[in-house]
N, C-alpha and C. Protein backbone atom coordinates (compact mmCIF):
# COMPACT_ATOMS: atom_id res chain seq x y z
N MET A 1 -14.92 50.65 -17.47
CA MET A 1 -13.88 50.10 -18.29
C MET A 1 -14.21 50.47 -19.73
N VAL A 2 -13.23 50.91 -20.45
CA VAL A 2 -13.41 51.31 -21.84
C VAL A 2 -12.53 50.43 -22.70
N LEU A 3 -13.11 49.88 -23.77
CA LEU A 3 -12.34 49.07 -24.71
C LEU A 3 -11.88 49.96 -25.85
N LYS A 4 -10.60 49.92 -26.14
CA LYS A 4 -10.06 50.70 -27.24
C LYS A 4 -9.38 49.76 -28.23
N ALA A 5 -9.69 49.97 -29.50
CA ALA A 5 -9.07 49.15 -30.54
C ALA A 5 -7.94 49.96 -31.16
N THR A 6 -6.81 49.32 -31.34
CA THR A 6 -5.70 50.00 -32.01
C THR A 6 -5.71 49.60 -33.48
N GLU A 7 -5.45 50.58 -34.32
CA GLU A 7 -5.50 50.32 -35.77
C GLU A 7 -4.31 49.49 -36.24
N ARG A 8 -3.18 49.63 -35.57
CA ARG A 8 -1.96 49.00 -36.04
C ARG A 8 -2.03 47.48 -36.01
N ASP A 9 -2.44 46.89 -34.87
CA ASP A 9 -2.42 45.42 -34.78
C ASP A 9 -3.82 44.84 -34.57
N HIS A 10 -4.85 45.63 -34.70
CA HIS A 10 -6.24 45.20 -34.60
C HIS A 10 -6.54 44.46 -33.29
N SER A 11 -5.86 44.81 -32.24
CA SER A 11 -6.14 44.20 -30.95
C SER A 11 -7.01 45.14 -30.14
N VAL A 12 -7.64 44.57 -29.16
CA VAL A 12 -8.50 45.36 -28.29
C VAL A 12 -7.86 45.40 -26.92
N ARG A 13 -7.79 46.59 -26.36
CA ARG A 13 -7.15 46.76 -25.06
C ARG A 13 -8.16 47.42 -24.12
N ALA A 14 -8.25 46.89 -22.92
CA ALA A 14 -9.17 47.45 -21.93
C ALA A 14 -8.43 48.44 -21.07
N GLU A 15 -9.01 49.61 -20.92
CA GLU A 15 -8.44 50.60 -20.03
C GLU A 15 -9.48 50.98 -19.00
N ILE A 16 -9.02 51.12 -17.79
CA ILE A 16 -9.93 51.51 -16.73
C ILE A 16 -9.81 53.02 -16.56
N GLN A 17 -10.95 53.69 -16.70
CA GLN A 17 -10.96 55.12 -16.50
C GLN A 17 -11.73 55.42 -15.23
N THR A 18 -11.14 56.20 -14.38
CA THR A 18 -11.82 56.57 -13.15
C THR A 18 -12.41 57.95 -13.33
N GLU A 19 -13.63 58.10 -12.86
CA GLU A 19 -14.28 59.38 -12.92
C GLU A 19 -14.14 60.06 -11.57
N LYS A 20 -14.18 61.37 -11.60
CA LYS A 20 -14.15 62.10 -10.34
C LYS A 20 -15.39 61.75 -9.54
N ALA A 21 -15.22 61.68 -8.26
CA ALA A 21 -16.37 61.41 -7.41
C ALA A 21 -17.34 62.58 -7.53
N THR A 22 -18.58 62.28 -7.84
CA THR A 22 -19.57 63.34 -7.98
C THR A 22 -19.98 63.82 -6.60
N GLU A 23 -20.35 65.08 -6.54
CA GLU A 23 -20.76 65.63 -5.25
C GLU A 23 -22.09 65.05 -4.85
N ARG A 24 -22.23 64.77 -3.58
CA ARG A 24 -23.48 64.23 -3.07
C ARG A 24 -24.50 65.36 -2.97
N PRO A 25 -25.75 65.09 -3.33
CA PRO A 25 -26.77 66.13 -3.21
C PRO A 25 -27.07 66.41 -1.75
N SER A 26 -27.62 67.58 -1.49
CA SER A 26 -27.98 67.93 -0.12
C SER A 26 -29.05 66.97 0.39
N ILE A 27 -29.20 66.93 1.71
CA ILE A 27 -30.16 66.00 2.31
C ILE A 27 -31.58 66.35 1.87
N GLY A 28 -31.88 67.63 1.74
CA GLY A 28 -33.21 68.04 1.30
C GLY A 28 -33.48 67.60 -0.13
N ARG A 29 -32.48 67.75 -0.99
CA ARG A 29 -32.61 67.34 -2.38
C ARG A 29 -32.77 65.82 -2.48
N ALA A 30 -32.00 65.08 -1.67
CA ALA A 30 -32.08 63.62 -1.67
C ALA A 30 -33.47 63.15 -1.24
N ILE A 31 -34.03 63.80 -0.23
CA ILE A 31 -35.36 63.42 0.25
C ILE A 31 -36.42 63.72 -0.80
N SER A 32 -36.33 64.90 -1.42
CA SER A 32 -37.33 65.24 -2.44
C SER A 32 -37.21 64.31 -3.66
N ASP A 33 -35.99 63.92 -4.04
CA ASP A 33 -35.81 62.96 -5.13
C ASP A 33 -36.42 61.61 -4.76
N TYR A 34 -36.22 61.20 -3.52
CA TYR A 34 -36.76 59.92 -3.06
C TYR A 34 -38.29 59.93 -3.11
N ILE A 35 -38.89 61.00 -2.59
CA ILE A 35 -40.35 61.09 -2.57
C ILE A 35 -40.90 61.11 -3.99
N ARG A 36 -40.25 61.84 -4.89
CA ARG A 36 -40.69 61.87 -6.29
C ARG A 36 -40.60 60.47 -6.90
N ASP A 37 -39.51 59.76 -6.65
CA ASP A 37 -39.35 58.41 -7.19
C ASP A 37 -40.41 57.45 -6.63
N VAL A 38 -40.74 57.59 -5.35
CA VAL A 38 -41.75 56.75 -4.74
C VAL A 38 -43.11 57.01 -5.39
N ARG A 39 -43.44 58.28 -5.62
CA ARG A 39 -44.72 58.60 -6.27
C ARG A 39 -44.80 58.02 -7.67
N VAL A 40 -43.70 58.10 -8.40
CA VAL A 40 -43.69 57.55 -9.76
C VAL A 40 -43.90 56.04 -9.71
N GLU A 41 -43.20 55.35 -8.83
CA GLU A 41 -43.33 53.89 -8.74
C GLU A 41 -44.71 53.49 -8.24
N MET A 42 -45.27 54.23 -7.29
CA MET A 42 -46.59 53.90 -6.76
C MET A 42 -47.67 54.09 -7.82
N SER A 43 -47.45 55.00 -8.77
CA SER A 43 -48.43 55.19 -9.83
C SER A 43 -48.43 54.00 -10.80
N LYS A 44 -47.37 53.21 -10.79
CA LYS A 44 -47.27 52.04 -11.67
C LYS A 44 -47.90 50.78 -11.06
N VAL A 45 -48.24 50.85 -9.78
CA VAL A 45 -48.77 49.67 -9.07
C VAL A 45 -50.19 49.38 -9.55
N SER A 46 -50.48 48.12 -9.77
CA SER A 46 -51.82 47.69 -10.15
C SER A 46 -52.54 47.24 -8.88
N TRP A 47 -53.42 48.08 -8.36
CA TRP A 47 -54.10 47.78 -7.11
C TRP A 47 -55.31 46.89 -7.38
N PRO A 48 -55.56 45.90 -6.52
CA PRO A 48 -56.73 45.03 -6.72
C PRO A 48 -58.02 45.77 -6.36
N SER A 49 -59.11 45.33 -6.96
CA SER A 49 -60.42 45.90 -6.61
C SER A 49 -60.83 45.34 -5.25
N ARG A 50 -61.89 45.91 -4.69
CA ARG A 50 -62.38 45.44 -3.39
C ARG A 50 -62.81 43.97 -3.48
N ARG A 51 -63.45 43.60 -4.59
CA ARG A 51 -63.91 42.22 -4.76
C ARG A 51 -62.72 41.26 -4.88
N GLU A 52 -61.71 41.63 -5.67
CA GLU A 52 -60.52 40.78 -5.81
C GLU A 52 -59.82 40.59 -4.47
N LEU A 53 -59.73 41.66 -3.70
CA LEU A 53 -59.10 41.60 -2.39
C LEU A 53 -59.87 40.67 -1.46
N ARG A 54 -61.21 40.79 -1.46
CA ARG A 54 -62.05 39.93 -0.62
C ARG A 54 -61.90 38.47 -1.02
N ASP A 55 -61.93 38.21 -2.32
CA ASP A 55 -61.81 36.82 -2.79
C ASP A 55 -60.45 36.23 -2.45
N SER A 56 -59.40 37.00 -2.62
CA SER A 56 -58.05 36.51 -2.30
C SER A 56 -57.91 36.24 -0.81
N THR A 57 -58.47 37.11 0.01
CA THR A 57 -58.42 36.92 1.46
C THR A 57 -59.17 35.66 1.86
N LEU A 58 -60.32 35.43 1.24
CA LEU A 58 -61.09 34.23 1.53
C LEU A 58 -60.31 32.97 1.16
N VAL A 59 -59.63 32.98 0.02
CA VAL A 59 -58.82 31.83 -0.40
C VAL A 59 -57.72 31.57 0.62
N VAL A 60 -57.06 32.61 1.09
CA VAL A 60 -55.98 32.45 2.07
C VAL A 60 -56.52 31.84 3.36
N ILE A 61 -57.65 32.35 3.85
CA ILE A 61 -58.22 31.83 5.09
C ILE A 61 -58.60 30.37 4.95
N VAL A 62 -59.25 30.01 3.85
CA VAL A 62 -59.65 28.62 3.63
C VAL A 62 -58.41 27.72 3.56
N MET A 63 -57.38 28.15 2.84
CA MET A 63 -56.17 27.33 2.71
C MET A 63 -55.46 27.16 4.06
N VAL A 64 -55.49 28.17 4.90
CA VAL A 64 -54.89 28.04 6.24
C VAL A 64 -55.60 26.95 7.01
N PHE A 65 -56.93 26.92 6.95
CA PHE A 65 -57.68 25.87 7.65
C PHE A 65 -57.40 24.50 7.06
N VAL A 66 -57.35 24.39 5.73
CA VAL A 66 -57.09 23.10 5.09
C VAL A 66 -55.70 22.57 5.49
N VAL A 67 -54.70 23.43 5.45
CA VAL A 67 -53.34 23.00 5.82
C VAL A 67 -53.28 22.65 7.31
N ALA A 68 -53.97 23.42 8.15
CA ALA A 68 -53.98 23.12 9.60
C ALA A 68 -54.61 21.75 9.86
N ILE A 69 -55.71 21.45 9.17
CA ILE A 69 -56.36 20.14 9.34
C ILE A 69 -55.43 19.03 8.86
N PHE A 70 -54.78 19.24 7.70
CA PHE A 70 -53.84 18.24 7.17
C PHE A 70 -52.69 17.98 8.15
N ILE A 71 -52.10 19.04 8.66
CA ILE A 71 -50.98 18.88 9.61
C ILE A 71 -51.47 18.19 10.88
N GLY A 72 -52.68 18.52 11.34
CA GLY A 72 -53.23 17.87 12.53
C GLY A 72 -53.41 16.38 12.32
N ILE A 73 -53.92 16.00 11.15
CA ILE A 73 -54.13 14.58 10.85
C ILE A 73 -52.79 13.85 10.78
N VAL A 74 -51.82 14.42 10.08
CA VAL A 74 -50.50 13.80 9.97
C VAL A 74 -49.85 13.68 11.35
N ASP A 75 -49.98 14.70 12.16
CA ASP A 75 -49.42 14.67 13.52
C ASP A 75 -50.05 13.55 14.34
N ARG A 76 -51.35 13.42 14.26
CA ARG A 76 -52.04 12.37 15.04
C ARG A 76 -51.63 10.98 14.57
N VAL A 77 -51.55 10.78 13.25
CA VAL A 77 -51.14 9.48 12.70
C VAL A 77 -49.72 9.14 13.14
N LEU A 78 -48.81 10.09 13.04
CA LEU A 78 -47.43 9.83 13.45
C LEU A 78 -47.32 9.58 14.95
N THR A 79 -48.12 10.29 15.74
CA THR A 79 -48.11 10.06 17.19
C THR A 79 -48.56 8.64 17.51
N ILE A 80 -49.63 8.20 16.88
CA ILE A 80 -50.12 6.82 17.10
C ILE A 80 -49.08 5.81 16.64
N ALA A 81 -48.45 6.06 15.49
CA ALA A 81 -47.45 5.13 14.96
C ALA A 81 -46.24 5.04 15.89
N PHE A 82 -45.74 6.17 16.38
CA PHE A 82 -44.58 6.13 17.27
C PHE A 82 -44.92 5.51 18.62
N GLU A 83 -46.11 5.77 19.13
CA GLU A 83 -46.52 5.13 20.38
C GLU A 83 -46.61 3.61 20.20
N GLY A 84 -47.14 3.16 19.07
CA GLY A 84 -47.19 1.72 18.79
C GLY A 84 -45.80 1.13 18.65
N LEU A 85 -44.89 1.85 18.02
CA LEU A 85 -43.50 1.40 17.87
C LEU A 85 -42.82 1.28 19.22
N ILE A 86 -43.05 2.27 20.08
CA ILE A 86 -42.43 2.24 21.41
C ILE A 86 -42.98 1.07 22.22
N LYS A 87 -44.28 0.80 22.16
CA LYS A 87 -44.87 -0.34 22.88
C LYS A 87 -44.34 -1.66 22.32
N PHE A 88 -44.17 -1.71 20.98
CA PHE A 88 -43.68 -2.93 20.36
C PHE A 88 -42.23 -3.21 20.74
N LEU A 89 -41.39 -2.16 20.77
CA LEU A 89 -39.98 -2.34 21.10
C LEU A 89 -39.72 -2.36 22.60
N GLY A 90 -40.58 -1.75 23.38
CA GLY A 90 -40.32 -1.62 24.81
C GLY A 90 -40.91 -2.66 25.61
């Protein structure tokens, strides 16, 4: 969309201009462009060091165990509570 201002009444008018459809590149050209773009983006990635990776992995493993223990405790408490409720009402 292109905005054009007219000098006579100082108003702005929007005009839609359509462009010709551009020709699609060949499949070989498209693949080579894609690979080049991937290489450029991969060069921008900040890769962790071996120590950072090990430490992060250890944190994830420990947190999985902590959450599993928490969920197990909550599950057991709720099971006991519902069993007591059923005995009380039944």
